[in-house]
């Protein structure tokens, strides 16, 4: 039985590292997109407060507390 050549082993390792790097890049893009979305939401909310509109309490979302009990 022959063992794989050093070149083929290196190619497989390079392919695995390329896949890992691609996943990392995708994760960074998702994180940046989430940051952009939440930053935009916070900016819009602060604009509303500046126009005299009140914000809901921090522990409340649409009339429900974080525990899920109204």
N, C-alpha and C. Protein backbone atom coordinates (compact mmCIF):
# COMPACT_ATOMS: atom_id res chain seq x y z
N UNK A 1 0.84 -1.17 0.00
CA UNK A 1 0.00 0.00 0.00
C UNK A 1 0.89 1.24 0.00
N UNK A 2 0.59 2.16 -0.88
CA UNK A 2 1.41 3.36 -0.96
C UNK A 2 0.81 4.47 -0.10
N UNK A 3 1.67 5.29 0.42
CA UNK A 3 1.18 6.42 1.21
C UNK A 3 1.02 7.63 0.31
N UNK A 4 0.14 8.54 0.69
CA UNK A 4 -0.08 9.72 -0.15
C UNK A 4 1.18 10.56 -0.23
N UNK A 5 1.34 11.21 -1.34
CA UNK A 5 2.51 12.06 -1.51
C UNK A 5 2.37 13.30 -0.64
N UNK A 6 3.47 13.93 -0.39
CA UNK A 6 3.47 15.14 0.42
C UNK A 6 2.64 16.23 -0.24
N UNK A 7 2.70 16.31 -1.57
CA UNK A 7 1.93 17.33 -2.29
C UNK A 7 0.43 17.14 -2.10
N UNK A 8 -0.06 15.89 -2.19
CA UNK A 8 -1.50 15.67 -2.05
C UNK A 8 -1.95 15.95 -0.61
N UNK A 9 -1.11 15.62 0.37
CA UNK A 9 -1.44 15.93 1.77
C UNK A 9 -1.51 17.43 1.96
N UNK A 10 -0.55 18.14 1.40
CA UNK A 10 -0.52 19.59 1.51
C UNK A 10 -1.75 20.20 0.84
N UNK A 11 -2.14 19.67 -0.32
CA UNK A 11 -3.33 20.17 -1.02
C UNK A 11 -4.59 19.99 -0.18
N UNK A 12 -4.71 18.83 0.47
CA UNK A 12 -5.89 18.59 1.32
C UNK A 12 -5.90 19.56 2.50
N UNK A 13 -4.75 19.77 3.12
CA UNK A 13 -4.68 20.70 4.25
C UNK A 13 -5.02 22.12 3.80
N UNK A 14 -4.51 22.50 2.64
CA UNK A 14 -4.79 23.83 2.12
C UNK A 14 -6.29 23.99 1.85
N UNK A 15 -6.91 22.95 1.32
CA UNK A 15 -8.34 22.98 1.04
C UNK A 15 -9.14 23.15 2.34
N UNK A 16 -8.76 22.43 3.38
CA UNK A 16 -9.44 22.54 4.67
C UNK A 16 -9.29 23.95 5.22
N UNK A 17 -8.09 24.50 5.18
CA UNK A 17 -7.88 25.86 5.70
C UNK A 17 -8.64 26.89 4.88
N UNK A 18 -8.76 26.65 3.58
CA UNK A 18 -9.55 27.56 2.73
C UNK A 18 -11.01 27.53 3.16
N UNK A 19 -11.54 26.33 3.44
CA UNK A 19 -12.93 26.21 3.90
C UNK A 19 -13.13 26.92 5.24
N UNK A 20 -12.19 26.76 6.15
CA UNK A 20 -12.29 27.42 7.46
C UNK A 20 -12.27 28.93 7.29
N UNK A 21 -11.39 29.43 6.43
CA UNK A 21 -11.31 30.87 6.19
C UNK A 21 -12.60 31.40 5.57
N UNK A 22 -13.20 30.64 4.68
CA UNK A 22 -14.45 31.07 4.05
C UNK A 22 -15.57 31.16 5.07
N UNK A 23 -15.64 30.21 5.99
CA UNK A 23 -16.66 30.25 7.04
C UNK A 23 -16.41 31.46 7.94
N UNK A 24 -15.16 31.71 8.28
CA UNK A 24 -14.84 32.87 9.12
C UNK A 24 -15.22 34.17 8.45
N UNK A 25 -14.99 34.27 7.15
CA UNK A 25 -15.35 35.48 6.42
C UNK A 25 -16.86 35.66 6.41
N UNK A 26 -17.60 34.58 6.22
CA UNK A 26 -19.07 34.64 6.23
C UNK A 26 -19.56 35.10 7.60
N UNK A 27 -18.95 34.58 8.67
CA UNK A 27 -19.34 34.96 10.03
C UNK A 27 -19.07 36.43 10.26
N UNK A 28 -17.93 36.93 9.78
CA UNK A 28 -17.62 38.36 9.94
C UNK A 28 -18.64 39.22 9.21
N UNK A 29 -19.05 38.78 8.02
CA UNK A 29 -20.07 39.54 7.28
C UNK A 29 -21.40 39.55 8.02
N UNK A 30 -21.78 38.41 8.58
CA UNK A 30 -23.03 38.35 9.35
C UNK A 30 -22.96 39.27 10.56
N UNK A 31 -21.82 39.23 11.26
CA UNK A 31 -21.65 40.08 12.44
C UNK A 31 -21.73 41.55 12.06
N UNK A 32 -21.10 41.94 10.95
CA UNK A 32 -21.14 43.33 10.50
C UNK A 32 -22.55 43.73 10.11
N UNK A 33 -23.26 42.84 9.42
CA UNK A 33 -24.64 43.14 9.02
C UNK A 33 -25.52 43.31 10.25
N UNK A 34 -25.36 42.44 11.25
CA UNK A 34 -26.15 42.55 12.48
C UNK A 34 -25.82 43.86 13.19
N UNK A 35 -24.57 44.23 13.23
CA UNK A 35 -24.17 45.49 13.86
C UNK A 35 -24.81 46.66 13.13
N UNK A 36 -24.78 46.64 11.80
CA UNK A 36 -25.38 47.72 11.02
C UNK A 36 -26.88 47.83 11.28
N UNK A 37 -27.56 46.69 11.34
CA UNK A 37 -29.01 46.69 11.57
C UNK A 37 -29.33 47.22 12.96
N UNK A 38 -28.63 46.74 13.97
CA UNK A 38 -28.93 47.19 15.33
C UNK A 38 -28.53 48.64 15.53
N UNK A 39 -27.44 49.07 14.94
CA UNK A 39 -27.03 50.47 15.07
C UNK A 39 -28.08 51.37 14.41
N UNK A 40 -28.61 50.96 13.27
CA UNK A 40 -29.65 51.74 12.60
C UNK A 40 -30.90 51.81 13.48
N UNK A 41 -31.28 50.70 14.09
CA UNK A 41 -32.45 50.67 14.97
C UNK A 41 -32.27 51.57 16.17
N UNK A 42 -31.10 51.58 16.77
CA UNK A 42 -30.84 52.44 17.91
C UNK A 42 -30.86 53.90 17.50
N UNK A 43 -30.35 54.20 16.32
CA UNK A 43 -30.35 55.57 15.82
C UNK A 43 -31.79 56.03 15.60
N UNK A 44 -32.61 55.20 14.99
CA UNK A 44 -34.01 55.56 14.74
C UNK A 44 -34.76 55.75 16.05
N UNK A 45 -34.49 54.90 17.03
CA UNK A 45 -35.15 55.01 18.33
C UNK A 45 -34.75 56.30 19.02
N UNK A 46 -33.47 56.66 18.95
CA UNK A 46 -33.03 57.90 19.60
C UNK A 46 -33.61 59.11 18.90
N UNK A 47 -33.84 59.04 17.58
CA UNK A 47 -34.50 60.13 16.87
C UNK A 47 -35.94 60.29 17.35
N UNK A 48 -36.63 59.17 17.59
CA UNK A 48 -38.00 59.22 18.08
C UNK A 48 -38.06 59.88 19.45
N UNK A 49 -37.14 59.53 20.33
CA UNK A 49 -37.11 60.11 21.66
C UNK A 49 -36.87 61.61 21.56
N UNK A 50 -36.02 62.02 20.63
CA UNK A 50 -35.76 63.44 20.44
C UNK A 50 -36.98 64.21 19.98
N UNK A 51 -37.94 63.54 19.37
CA UNK A 51 -39.17 64.19 18.91
C UNK A 51 -40.27 64.09 19.96
N UNK A 52 -39.93 63.71 21.17
CA UNK A 52 -40.92 63.66 22.23
C UNK A 52 -41.60 62.31 22.40
N UNK A 53 -41.22 61.32 21.61
CA UNK A 53 -41.82 59.99 21.76
C UNK A 53 -41.04 59.24 22.82
N UNK A 54 -41.73 58.54 23.67
CA UNK A 54 -41.05 57.81 24.74
C UNK A 54 -40.67 56.42 24.26
N UNK A 55 -39.65 55.87 24.87
CA UNK A 55 -39.21 54.51 24.58
C UNK A 55 -39.82 53.57 25.61
N UNK A 56 -40.06 52.30 25.23
CA UNK A 56 -40.55 51.34 26.22
C UNK A 56 -39.46 51.06 27.25
N UNK A 57 -39.84 50.59 28.44
CA UNK A 57 -38.83 50.24 29.44
C UNK A 57 -37.86 49.20 28.88
N UNK A 58 -36.66 49.20 29.39
CA UNK A 58 -35.63 48.29 28.87
C UNK A 58 -36.00 46.83 29.06
N UNK A 59 -36.76 46.51 30.12
CA UNK A 59 -37.10 45.11 30.37
C UNK A 59 -38.42 44.70 29.73
N UNK A 60 -38.94 45.51 28.84
CA UNK A 60 -40.26 45.25 28.26
C UNK A 60 -40.17 45.25 26.73
N UNK A 61 -40.84 44.30 26.12
CA UNK A 61 -40.90 44.23 24.66
C UNK A 61 -42.36 44.04 24.27
N UNK A 62 -42.93 45.04 23.64
CA UNK A 62 -44.32 44.97 23.19
C UNK A 62 -45.26 44.55 24.31
N UNK A 63 -45.12 45.16 25.48
CA UNK A 63 -46.04 44.89 26.57
C UNK A 63 -45.72 43.67 27.39
N UNK A 64 -44.63 42.98 27.09
CA UNK A 64 -44.25 41.80 27.86
C UNK A 64 -42.88 42.03 28.46
N UNK A 65 -42.70 41.56 29.66
CA UNK A 65 -41.39 41.64 30.28
C UNK A 65 -40.51 40.54 29.72
N UNK A 66 -39.24 40.60 30.06
CA UNK A 66 -38.31 39.58 29.55
C UNK A 66 -38.66 38.20 30.08
N UNK A 67 -39.39 38.12 31.19
CA UNK A 67 -39.77 36.80 31.72
C UNK A 67 -40.94 36.21 30.97
N UNK A 68 -41.59 37.02 30.10
CA UNK A 68 -42.72 36.53 29.32
C UNK A 68 -44.05 36.74 30.00
N UNK A 69 -44.05 37.35 31.19
CA UNK A 69 -45.28 37.61 31.92
C UNK A 69 -45.62 39.08 31.76
N UNK A 70 -46.86 39.38 31.35
CA UNK A 70 -47.26 40.78 31.15
C UNK A 70 -47.59 41.44 32.47
